[in-house]
Amino acid sequence: MIATQQSLTRSTVARYAVGSLGTGGFATLPGLVLVYYLTESLGVAAFVAGAVVTVAKVWDVIIDPVIGARSDRMLAARGSRRAMMLVGAVSLPVFFLLTFAVPPGTPTGVSALWVFLAFLITATAFSLFQVPYIALPAELAAGYDERTRLLTWRVVVLTFAILLFGAGGPALRQLGGGTGFVAYFVMALVAGLVIGAGMFVSAFVAPRQQPAAVLPPRESVLVTLRTNYSAGIGALRDSQPFRALLLTFLLQGLATGMMLTGANYVATWVLHSEDAVTLLFLALIGPALVVTPLWGVVARRIGKERGFRIASVLFGVAALSMVLLLWLPGAWVYASVALAGAAYAGMQSLPMSMLPDVISHDSRRNGPGRAGTFGGMWTAGETTGMALGAAAFTTVIGIAGYISGAGDPSAATAGITQPGSAVAGIVLAFSIIPAAIVAASLVPLVRYRLRKGDVDDVV
């Protein structure tokens, strides 16, 4: 869809950007603590914990293209995507709290099922907001540089949200006692309200326009599922830039998902301090907050795709350097994490500003009305990458002999600890494996050939 004529004012930029307080919080906190909560507080085996998170995320992959198509129909019928975004914003905090509210003494199997169902509904609520949110930049801003500006400030807030929830979530958990029901309940209550508030405020930036004269026909959910997956596949088939960008972003989501899941385990079993997870996030996000606007400058000077490639290489180098934790665990790791954070800012802001360029390019070549479809496929790809990251991490440490529940104070008192192979598995899944995946992501990125002249010529 071609951007509306409303001015890209500071208010528009701010209201859009604040939505990333919600999207960054939901992407960060469950990825950081949910698997750890399952293995250490509820005693769920690592393989099962990874499966719980992955299967719940697979549900997202199924419904995201459907939500995207329904979002496009809502835009055509009502002139705005706002109502769907508000439903997601209001319902997410309730089910996020339930995810971390398993009553003490609940059997392990029941606990795993409880978390699975609550998190599945939470993820659905998030998709109701996130899919139309991803589609909005093509409607809010016209032009290559304007979208860069809009998405750069979104990523500034996203980066702040990662810091806020990545460092603040564990701090809230410690405030509630560090482990157990109260600790996670306090964390989920406060975090869920903040996530929902950011999403609620941002929903009102969705522009209103004249409804379409002729609406697409209503379809059943099953028909919608089939037809809109076909539409998503069609978008991939029709847009070579989208195929290249989505595959790159999916692979990088896999790599960062592994590292996000592993942060708690590195802090506990490699650095021997659960508080170290807060320092890891401070080291990651502090530099990112500073350099995020600089990636916008880089994009204007040498192009978004070249800047994205540079950021990816820097991130891979930083991740690879952390394999030294096998032999020299220590505070030096925060320098590597800081480099990764600076690179991660570019890995987020640049592809996010490239996506609306892809949507506008497709609109000119194949007709408008598919922004929601693109948003649904993008969110499904991102979700797939992050979910597979959690599954890959738990698979690696499970094979390495990780003992679930060994982080519980009672286990430590009984002398239960991790074998050396499990600690080595944690380091490898946090460093060399993500670095290799990021290197692989550069292959499809080479095939992204959309440039500034191609974009500004079509808006």
Protein backbone atom coordinates (compact mmCIF):
# COMPACT_ATOMS: atom_id res chain seq x y z
CA MET A 1 0.00 0.00 0.00
CA ILE A 2 1.30 3.45 -0.91
CA ALA A 3 1.82 5.71 2.07
CA THR A 4 -0.96 8.10 3.04
CA GLN A 5 -0.43 11.81 2.71
CA GLN A 6 -0.40 12.51 6.44
CA SER A 7 2.74 14.29 7.52
CA LEU A 8 5.41 12.27 9.28
CA THR A 9 5.37 14.56 12.32
CA ARG A 10 7.35 14.12 15.52
CA SER A 11 4.15 12.96 17.18
CA THR A 12 3.65 10.26 14.56
CA VAL A 13 7.24 9.08 14.93
CA ALA A 14 6.98 9.05 18.74
CA ARG A 15 3.65 7.21 18.88
CA TYR A 16 4.84 4.61 16.41
CA ALA A 17 8.15 4.16 18.18
CA VAL A 18 6.59 3.63 21.62
CA GLY A 19 5.00 0.45 20.30
CA SER A 20 8.45 -1.11 20.43
CA LEU A 21 8.32 -0.79 24.21
CA GLY A 22 5.79 -3.61 23.92
CA THR A 23 7.31 -5.56 21.04
CA GLY A 24 10.82 -5.34 22.51
CA GLY A 25 9.58 -6.36 25.94
CA PHE A 26 7.67 -9.38 24.69
CA ALA A 27 10.50 -10.48 22.39
CA THR A 28 13.10 -10.13 25.17
CA LEU A 29 11.67 -11.24 28.49
CA PRO A 30 10.06 -14.59 27.55
CA GLY A 31 13.11 -15.42 25.42
CA LEU A 32 15.36 -14.64 28.37
CA VAL A 33 13.53 -16.24 31.29
CA LEU A 34 10.80 -18.62 30.09
CA VAL A 35 12.99 -21.65 29.36
CA TYR A 36 15.00 -20.94 32.52
CA TYR A 37 11.75 -20.69 34.51
CA LEU A 38 10.66 -24.06 33.16
CA THR A 39 13.94 -25.87 33.83
CA GLU A 40 15.02 -24.27 37.11
CA SER A 41 11.79 -23.31 38.92
CA LEU A 42 9.39 -25.95 37.60
CA GLY A 43 11.92 -28.75 37.08
CA VAL A 44 10.95 -29.39 33.44
CA ALA A 45 13.57 -31.22 31.37
CA ALA A 46 15.54 -29.01 28.95
CA PHE A 47 14.21 -30.82 25.85
CA VAL A 48 10.62 -30.47 27.06
CA ALA A 49 11.10 -26.80 27.99
CA GLY A 50 12.44 -26.08 24.52
CA ALA A 51 9.53 -27.95 22.95
CA VAL A 52 6.96 -26.00 25.01
CA VAL A 53 8.30 -22.67 23.78
CA THR A 54 8.83 -23.85 20.21
CA VAL A 55 5.39 -25.40 19.71
CA ALA A 56 3.72 -22.30 21.13
CA LYS A 57 5.70 -20.21 18.67
CA VAL A 58 4.81 -22.56 15.79
CA TRP A 59 1.20 -21.58 16.48
CA ASP A 60 2.24 -18.00 15.78
CA VAL A 61 3.70 -19.06 12.46
CA ILE A 62 0.35 -20.62 11.58
CA ILE A 63 -1.82 -17.66 12.53
CA ASP A 64 0.37 -14.68 11.58
CA PRO A 65 -0.42 -14.76 7.84
CA VAL A 66 -4.12 -15.14 8.69
CA ILE A 67 -3.96 -12.15 11.05
CA GLY A 68 -2.14 -10.22 8.33
CA ALA A 69 -4.88 -10.91 5.79
CA ARG A 70 -7.62 -10.09 8.32
CA SER A 71 -5.76 -6.87 9.07
CA ASP A 72 -5.82 -5.97 5.36
CA ARG A 73 -9.55 -6.70 5.23
CA MET A 74 -10.15 -4.60 8.36
CA LEU A 75 -8.28 -1.73 6.71
CA ALA A 76 -10.43 -2.07 3.60
CA ALA A 77 -13.70 -2.31 5.58
CA ARG A 78 -13.09 0.23 8.36
CA GLY A 79 -10.25 2.36 7.04
CA SER A 80 -7.87 1.43 9.90
CA ARG A 81 -6.03 -1.50 11.52
CA ARG A 82 -6.44 0.03 15.00
CA ALA A 83 -9.15 -2.20 16.52
CA MET A 84 -7.13 -5.41 16.09
CA MET A 85 -4.07 -3.77 17.66
CA LEU A 86 -6.11 -2.64 20.68
CA VAL A 87 -7.46 -6.14 21.30
CA GLY A 88 -3.91 -7.47 21.43
CA ALA A 89 -2.72 -4.66 23.70
CA VAL A 90 -5.50 -5.15 26.26
CA SER A 91 -5.44 -8.96 26.43
CA LEU A 92 -1.67 -9.60 26.45
CA PRO A 93 -0.92 -8.49 30.06
CA VAL A 94 -3.53 -10.89 31.49
CA PHE A 95 -2.20 -14.00 29.78
CA PHE A 96 1.44 -12.97 30.23
CA LEU A 97 0.84 -12.93 33.98
CA LEU A 98 -0.84 -16.35 33.83
CA THR A 99 2.19 -17.80 32.01
CA PHE A 100 4.36 -17.18 35.09
CA ALA A 101 1.68 -17.97 37.68
CA VAL A 102 1.94 -21.76 38.00
CA PRO A 103 0.89 -22.53 41.61
CA PRO A 104 3.57 -24.01 43.88
CA GLY A 105 3.45 -27.78 44.12
CA THR A 106 1.91 -28.29 40.68
CA PRO A 107 3.17 -31.56 39.09
CA THR A 108 5.85 -31.08 36.45
CA GLY A 109 3.72 -32.31 33.55
CA VAL A 110 0.80 -30.09 34.51
CA SER A 111 3.18 -27.13 34.94
CA ALA A 112 4.55 -27.60 31.43
CA LEU A 113 1.01 -27.79 30.00
CA TRP A 114 -0.09 -24.70 31.98
CA VAL A 115 2.83 -22.64 30.65
CA PHE A 116 2.28 -23.93 27.12
CA LEU A 117 -1.41 -22.95 26.98
CA ALA A 118 -0.97 -19.58 28.67
CA PHE A 119 2.00 -18.65 26.53
CA LEU A 120 0.20 -19.76 23.35
CA ILE A 121 -2.68 -17.37 24.10
CA THR A 122 -0.22 -14.62 25.05
CA ALA A 123 1.61 -15.07 21.75
CA THR A 124 -1.72 -14.85 19.89
CA ALA A 125 -2.51 -11.55 21.61
CA PHE A 126 0.93 -10.27 20.69
CA SER A 127 0.42 -11.19 17.02
CA LEU A 128 -2.87 -9.27 16.93
CA PHE A 129 -0.81 -6.17 17.65
CA GLN A 130 2.50 -6.97 16.00
CA VAL A 131 1.36 -8.02 12.52
CA PRO A 132 -0.54 -4.80 11.71
CA TYR A 133 2.17 -2.79 13.53
CA ILE A 134 4.77 -4.16 11.11
CA ALA A 135 2.58 -3.15 8.16
CA LEU A 136 2.11 0.48 9.29
CA PRO A 137 5.38 2.12 8.08
CA ALA A 138 4.38 1.68 4.43
CA GLU A 139 1.19 3.64 5.25
CA LEU A 140 2.73 6.23 7.57
CA ALA A 141 5.80 7.32 5.58
CA ALA A 142 6.61 7.83 1.92
CA GLY A 143 10.16 7.55 0.67
CA TYR A 144 13.36 5.69 1.42
CA ASP A 145 14.80 8.24 3.87
CA GLU A 146 11.52 8.99 5.67
CA ARG A 147 11.08 5.31 6.47
CA THR A 148 14.66 5.14 7.66
CA ARG A 149 13.88 7.99 10.08
CA LEU A 150 10.65 6.35 11.28
CA LEU A 151 12.23 2.94 11.80
CA THR A 152 15.44 4.30 13.32
CA TRP A 153 13.52 5.85 16.21
CA ARG A 154 11.45 2.73 16.55
CA VAL A 155 14.66 0.77 17.03
CA VAL A 156 15.96 3.33 19.55
CA VAL A 157 12.89 2.53 21.66
CA LEU A 158 13.25 -1.18 20.87
CA THR A 159 16.83 -1.07 22.10
CA PHE A 160 15.77 0.74 25.27
CA ALA A 161 13.04 -1.87 25.78
CA ILE A 162 15.55 -4.69 25.47
CA LEU A 163 17.64 -3.02 28.16
CA LEU A 164 14.63 -2.28 30.34
CA PHE A 165 13.25 -5.80 30.23
CA GLY A 166 16.52 -7.67 29.82
CA ALA A 167 18.05 -6.03 32.89
CA GLY A 168 14.88 -5.00 34.71
CA GLY A 169 13.08 -8.35 34.40
CA PRO A 170 15.72 -10.30 36.34
CA ALA A 171 15.96 -7.39 38.79
CA LEU A 172 12.22 -7.61 39.44
CA ARG A 173 12.60 -11.35 39.87
CA GLN A 174 15.28 -10.75 42.50
CA LEU A 175 13.02 -8.21 44.20
CA GLY A 176 10.45 -10.98 44.56
CA GLY A 177 12.95 -13.38 46.05
CA GLY A 178 14.94 -14.59 43.03
CA THR A 179 13.13 -17.91 42.53
CA GLY A 180 9.72 -19.35 43.14
CA PHE A 181 6.15 -18.23 42.60
CA VAL A 182 6.31 -14.71 44.06
CA ALA A 183 9.49 -13.77 42.18
CA TYR A 184 8.09 -14.62 38.76
CA PHE A 185 4.60 -13.32 39.57
CA VAL A 186 5.97 -9.87 40.47
CA MET A 187 8.12 -9.82 37.36
CA ALA A 188 5.26 -10.84 35.05
CA LEU A 189 2.76 -8.42 36.60
CA VAL A 190 4.93 -5.33 36.22
CA ALA A 191 6.39 -6.30 32.85
CA GLY A 192 3.00 -7.28 31.40
CA LEU A 193 1.47 -3.92 32.31
CA VAL A 194 4.36 -1.99 30.76
CA ILE A 195 4.27 -4.10 27.58
CA GLY A 196 0.51 -3.63 27.25
CA ALA A 197 0.74 0.12 27.87
CA GLY A 198 3.29 0.61 25.09
CA MET A 199 1.17 -1.37 22.65
CA PHE A 200 -2.03 0.44 23.66
CA VAL A 201 -0.58 3.92 23.10
CA SER A 202 0.97 2.97 19.77
CA ALA A 203 -2.26 1.47 18.41
CA PHE A 204 -3.66 4.99 18.03
CA VAL A 205 -1.01 5.91 15.46
CA ALA A 206 -2.72 3.62 12.93
CA PRO A 207 -4.04 6.05 10.30
CA ARG A 208 -7.67 6.27 9.26
CA GLN A 209 -8.57 6.45 5.61
CA GLN A 210 -11.59 6.02 3.37
CA PRO A 211 -12.88 2.41 3.44
CA ALA A 212 -12.71 0.57 0.15
CA ALA A 213 -15.78 0.77 -2.10
CA VAL A 214 -15.69 -2.99 -2.75
CA LEU A 215 -14.68 -5.28 0.13
CA PRO A 216 -13.03 -8.67 -0.30
CA PRO A 217 -15.47 -11.53 0.46
CA ARG A 218 -15.75 -12.92 3.97
CA GLU A 219 -14.22 -16.36 4.44
CA SER A 220 -14.23 -19.04 7.13
CA VAL A 221 -11.11 -19.45 9.24
CA LEU A 222 -10.12 -22.64 7.39
CA VAL A 223 -10.60 -21.00 4.01
CA THR A 224 -8.77 -17.93 5.28
CA LEU A 225 -5.90 -20.11 6.47
CA ARG A 226 -5.56 -21.76 3.07
CA THR A 227 -6.06 -18.68 0.92
CA ASN A 228 -3.83 -16.46 3.00
CA TYR A 229 -1.00 -18.93 3.18
CA SER A 230 -1.32 -19.02 -0.57
CA ALA A 231 -1.19 -15.21 -0.55
CA GLY A 232 1.90 -15.32 1.65
CA ILE A 233 3.60 -17.80 -0.64
CA GLY A 234 2.57 -15.58 -3.52
CA ALA A 235 4.25 -12.58 -1.87
CA LEU A 236 7.43 -14.61 -1.49
CA ARG A 237 7.21 -15.77 -5.09
CA ASP A 238 6.52 -12.32 -6.51
CA SER A 239 9.10 -10.35 -4.51
CA GLN A 240 12.72 -11.46 -4.78
CA PRO A 241 13.86 -8.70 -2.34
CA PHE A 242 11.37 -9.99 0.23
CA ARG A 243 12.62 -13.58 -0.08
CA ALA A 244 16.22 -12.49 0.45
CA LEU A 245 15.45 -10.15 3.34
CA LEU A 246 13.11 -12.55 5.16
CA LEU A 247 15.52 -15.50 4.99
CA THR A 248 18.34 -13.31 6.29
CA PHE A 249 16.23 -12.03 9.16
CA LEU A 250 14.95 -15.53 10.02
CA LEU A 251 18.48 -16.92 10.28
CA GLN A 252 19.60 -14.00 12.39
CA GLY A 253 16.56 -14.47 14.63
CA LEU A 254 17.70 -18.07 15.13
CA ALA A 255 21.17 -16.89 16.17
CA THR A 256 19.99 -14.13 18.51
CA GLY A 257 17.29 -16.44 19.93
CA MET A 258 19.97 -18.91 20.96
CA MET A 259 22.01 -16.20 22.66
CA LEU A 260 18.98 -14.66 24.38
CA THR A 261 17.92 -18.04 25.74
CA GLY A 262 21.48 -18.72 26.86
CA ALA A 263 22.12 -15.50 28.77
CA ASN A 264 20.71 -16.77 32.09
CA TYR A 265 22.64 -20.02 31.75
CA VAL A 266 25.92 -18.23 30.98
CA ALA A 267 25.42 -15.97 33.99
CA THR A 268 24.68 -18.89 36.33
CA TRP A 269 27.02 -21.64 35.16
CA VAL A 270 29.88 -19.83 33.37
CA LEU A 271 30.16 -16.51 35.22
CA HIS A 272 28.73 -18.06 38.42
CA SER A 273 26.42 -15.17 39.22
CA GLU A 274 22.73 -14.89 38.37
CA ASP A 275 23.14 -11.11 38.75
CA ALA A 276 25.56 -11.19 35.80
CA VAL A 277 22.61 -11.41 33.42
CA THR A 278 21.79 -7.79 34.27
CA LEU A 279 25.37 -6.76 33.50
CA LEU A 280 25.25 -8.69 30.22
CA PHE A 281 22.22 -6.70 29.13
CA LEU A 282 23.71 -3.40 30.25
CA ALA A 283 26.81 -4.19 28.19
CA LEU A 284 24.64 -5.20 25.22
CA ILE A 285 22.22 -2.31 25.16
CA GLY A 286 24.32 0.61 26.43
CA PRO A 287 26.35 0.81 23.18
CA ALA A 288 23.28 0.00 21.10
CA LEU A 289 21.40 3.03 22.45
CA VAL A 290 24.30 5.26 21.44
CA VAL A 291 24.93 3.87 17.96
CA THR A 292 21.38 3.18 16.72
CA PRO A 293 21.01 6.69 15.18
CA LEU A 294 24.46 6.23 13.62
CA TRP A 295 23.19 3.25 11.63
CA GLY A 296 20.67 5.64 10.08
CA VAL A 297 23.57 7.86 9.02
CA VAL A 298 25.38 4.83 7.61
CA ALA A 299 22.25 3.88 5.64
CA ARG A 300 22.04 7.33 4.07
CA ARG A 301 25.73 7.30 3.17
CA ILE A 302 26.26 3.79 1.78
CA GLY A 303 22.78 2.22 1.62
CA LYS A 304 20.75 0.13 4.05
CA GLU A 305 21.77 -3.20 2.60
CA ARG A 306 25.53 -2.50 2.87
CA GLY A 307 25.10 -1.18 6.41
CA PHE A 308 23.12 -4.31 7.29
CA ARG A 309 25.94 -6.49 5.97
CA ILE A 310 28.54 -4.62 8.04
CA ALA A 311 26.42 -4.91 11.20
CA SER A 312 25.98 -8.64 10.63
CA VAL A 313 29.71 -9.24 10.24
CA LEU A 314 30.50 -7.29 13.41
CA PHE A 315 27.89 -9.27 15.36
CA GLY A 316 29.30 -12.57 14.10
CA VAL A 317 32.83 -11.60 15.12
CA ALA A 318 31.63 -10.59 18.60
CA ALA A 319 29.72 -13.85 19.07
CA LEU A 320 32.67 -15.93 17.87
CA SER A 321 35.03 -14.24 20.34
CA MET A 322 32.90 -15.45 23.25
CA VAL A 323 33.99 -19.06 22.65
CA LEU A 324 36.99 -18.07 24.81
CA LEU A 325 34.65 -18.43 27.80
CA LEU A 326 35.48 -22.13 27.57
CA TRP A 327 38.97 -21.41 28.88
CA LEU A 328 38.91 -17.87 30.28
CA PRO A 329 35.56 -17.02 31.87
CA GLY A 330 35.66 -13.48 33.20
CA ALA A 331 34.58 -9.86 32.96
CA TRP A 332 36.29 -9.40 29.56
CA VAL A 333 33.16 -10.92 28.00
CA TYR A 334 31.31 -7.64 28.54
CA ALA A 335 33.52 -6.00 25.87
CA SER A 336 32.48 -8.66 23.33
CA VAL A 337 28.87 -8.23 24.35
CA ALA A 338 29.19 -4.44 23.87
CA LEU A 339 30.42 -4.96 20.29
CA ALA A 340 27.53 -7.36 19.70
CA GLY A 341 25.12 -4.74 21.03
CA ALA A 342 26.40 -2.03 18.71
CA ALA A 343 26.07 -4.43 15.77
CA TYR A 344 22.66 -5.68 16.90
CA ALA A 345 21.27 -2.15 16.69
CA GLY A 346 22.05 -2.16 12.96
CA MET A 347 20.75 -5.70 12.54
CA GLN A 348 17.37 -4.51 13.83
CA SER A 349 16.97 -0.98 12.49
CA LEU A 350 18.18 -1.57 8.94
CA PRO A 351 16.09 -4.61 7.91
CA MET A 352 13.03 -3.09 9.60
CA SER A 353 13.42 0.02 7.45
CA MET A 354 14.06 -2.15 4.37
CA LEU A 355 10.75 -4.03 4.78
CA PRO A 356 8.45 -1.07 3.98
CA ASP A 357 10.66 -0.38 0.95
CA VAL A 358 9.97 -3.94 -0.17
CA ILE A 359 6.22 -3.45 0.42
CA SER A 360 6.12 -0.24 -1.63
CA HIS A 361 8.16 -1.84 -4.41
CA ASP A 362 5.69 -4.73 -4.51
CA SER A 363 2.73 -2.33 -4.45
CA ARG A 364 3.98 -0.66 -7.61
CA ARG A 365 4.73 -3.91 -9.41
CA ASN A 366 1.81 -6.09 -8.29
CA GLY A 367 -0.84 -3.74 -6.92
CA PRO A 368 -1.61 -2.39 -3.42
CA GLY A 369 -3.35 -4.14 -0.54
CA ARG A 370 -0.76 -6.71 0.55
CA ALA A 371 0.99 -4.85 3.38
CA GLY A 372 -0.69 -7.01 6.01
CA THR A 373 0.27 -10.16 4.12
CA PHE A 374 3.90 -9.05 4.06
CA GLY A 375 3.67 -8.14 7.76
CA GLY A 376 2.21 -11.54 8.61
CA MET A 377 4.91 -13.44 6.72
CA TRP A 378 7.62 -11.25 8.29
CA THR A 379 6.31 -11.81 11.81
CA ALA A 380 5.98 -15.53 11.13
CA GLY A 381 9.58 -15.65 9.92
CA GLU A 382 10.87 -13.68 12.90
CA THR A 383 8.87 -15.87 15.29
CA THR A 384 10.18 -19.02 13.62
CA GLY A 385 13.77 -17.87 14.02
CA MET A 386 13.42 -16.97 17.70
CA ALA A 387 11.50 -20.17 18.49
CA LEU A 388 14.05 -22.35 16.74
CA GLY A 389 16.75 -20.46 18.65
CA ALA A 390 15.27 -21.56 21.98
CA ALA A 391 14.84 -25.11 20.69
CA ALA A 392 18.38 -25.25 19.32
CA PHE A 393 19.89 -23.99 22.57
CA THR A 394 18.00 -26.48 24.74
CA THR A 395 18.84 -29.29 22.32
CA VAL A 396 22.56 -28.51 22.50
CA ILE A 397 22.67 -28.33 26.30
CA GLY A 398 20.43 -31.38 26.62
CA ILE A 399 22.82 -33.42 24.48
CA ALA A 400 25.70 -32.02 26.53
CA GLY A 401 24.16 -33.45 29.71
CA TYR A 402 22.47 -30.43 31.30
CA ILE A 403 20.73 -31.21 34.63
CA SER A 404 17.40 -29.39 35.00
CA GLY A 405 16.71 -27.88 38.40
CA ALA A 406 20.36 -27.76 39.43
CA GLY A 407 20.08 -23.98 39.78
CA ASP A 408 17.51 -24.30 42.55
CA PRO A 409 18.96 -23.43 45.99
CA SER A 410 17.91 -26.81 47.41
CA ALA A 411 19.81 -28.58 44.63
CA ALA A 412 22.92 -26.52 45.35
CA THR A 413 22.61 -27.43 49.03
CA ALA A 414 22.48 -31.10 48.06
CA GLY A 415 25.69 -30.68 46.07
CA ILE A 416 24.02 -31.02 42.64
CA THR A 417 25.85 -29.10 39.92
CA GLN A 418 26.38 -29.18 36.17
CA PRO A 419 28.93 -31.49 34.52
CA GLY A 420 31.74 -29.86 32.55
CA SER A 421 30.22 -31.04 29.28
CA ALA A 422 27.00 -29.14 30.02
CA VAL A 423 28.92 -25.93 30.75
CA ALA A 424 30.85 -26.37 27.49
CA GLY A 425 27.54 -26.88 25.66
CA ILE A 426 26.21 -23.63 27.12
CA VAL A 427 29.26 -21.71 25.85
CA LEU A 428 29.18 -23.26 22.37
CA ALA A 429 25.44 -22.59 22.01
CA PHE A 430 26.06 -18.98 23.09
CA SER A 431 29.04 -18.26 20.81
CA ILE A 432 30.36 -20.31 17.93
CA ILE A 433 27.02 -21.77 16.79
CA PRO A 434 25.23 -18.38 16.58
CA ALA A 435 28.31 -16.92 14.84
CA ALA A 436 28.12 -19.64 12.17
CA ILE A 437 24.40 -19.02 11.65
CA VAL A 438 24.96 -15.27 11.20
CA ALA A 439 27.66 -16.05 8.64
CA ALA A 440 25.17 -18.22 6.77
CA SER A 441 22.63 -15.36 6.80
CA LEU A 442 24.94 -13.25 4.65
CA VAL A 443 24.39 -15.59 1.69
CA PRO A 444 20.74 -14.60 1.02
CA LEU A 445 21.52 -10.98 1.92
CA VAL A 446 23.84 -10.78 -1.10
CA ARG A 447 20.77 -11.42 -3.27
CA TYR A 448 18.91 -8.36 -1.93
CA ARG A 449 19.20 -5.90 -4.81
CA LEU A 450 16.65 -3.20 -3.98
CA ARG A 451 18.33 0.21 -3.86
CA LYS A 452 17.31 3.78 -3.03
CA GLY A 453 16.59 4.64 -6.66
CA ASP A 454 14.31 1.62 -7.02
CA VAL A 455 12.32 2.64 -3.93
CA ASP A 456 11.97 6.40 -4.43
CA ASP A 457 10.92 5.75 -8.00
CA VAL A 458 7.84 3.84 -6.84
CA VAL A 459 6.43 5.95 -3.98
